[in-house]
């Protein structure tokens, strides 16, 4: 399934998706596993997290806005072929929808995937990933300036909060430093 999803993304996403691409998907899979293990997930939970992480941004091959709904449609289409029951697919769909902004996870697995998707906000990779996302947005919204982007990032970081204990302890402090640096840059 991993090879199938990565191939789907590689072959169908525009080249200017500098952030939302197969590399981001693999990053989210890795972070979902890391957070899930720290949060005491079972092997079955980790498998569901991996599945949801793989499919969470596949909807970008169809649309940029509301891509989560398209990701769910693609997951519903393909997951039965990978042996997933309707109940397991519903669990995966819940996790995918938990990544939609504003994030509103309803259970532990949804909280983990939501945090994995935005884990970078409190990581050393913040600047590099933010730059990739800005370059991507410039193709979607060409009028966006760097000042507009920085204002949007500040607002986003101020509103964002992590859900899992792991990210609250290990990512929130760095996220606050990134926010402070951005605010200073805007002065």
Foldseek 3Di string as FASTA:
>chain_A
DLVVLLCLQVPQADPLLLQLGNVLLVQLLVQLLVLCVVQPHDPVLNVLLNLLSSLLQSLNSPPDPPSRVVSLVVCVVCVVVVVDDPVSSVVSSLLSQCLPPVGDRDDDSNLSSNCSSVLLLQDPCVVVSLVSVVSSVCVVPVVDDPLNSLVVLLVVLVPDDHDGPCCNVRRNVSNVVVSVVSVVVND
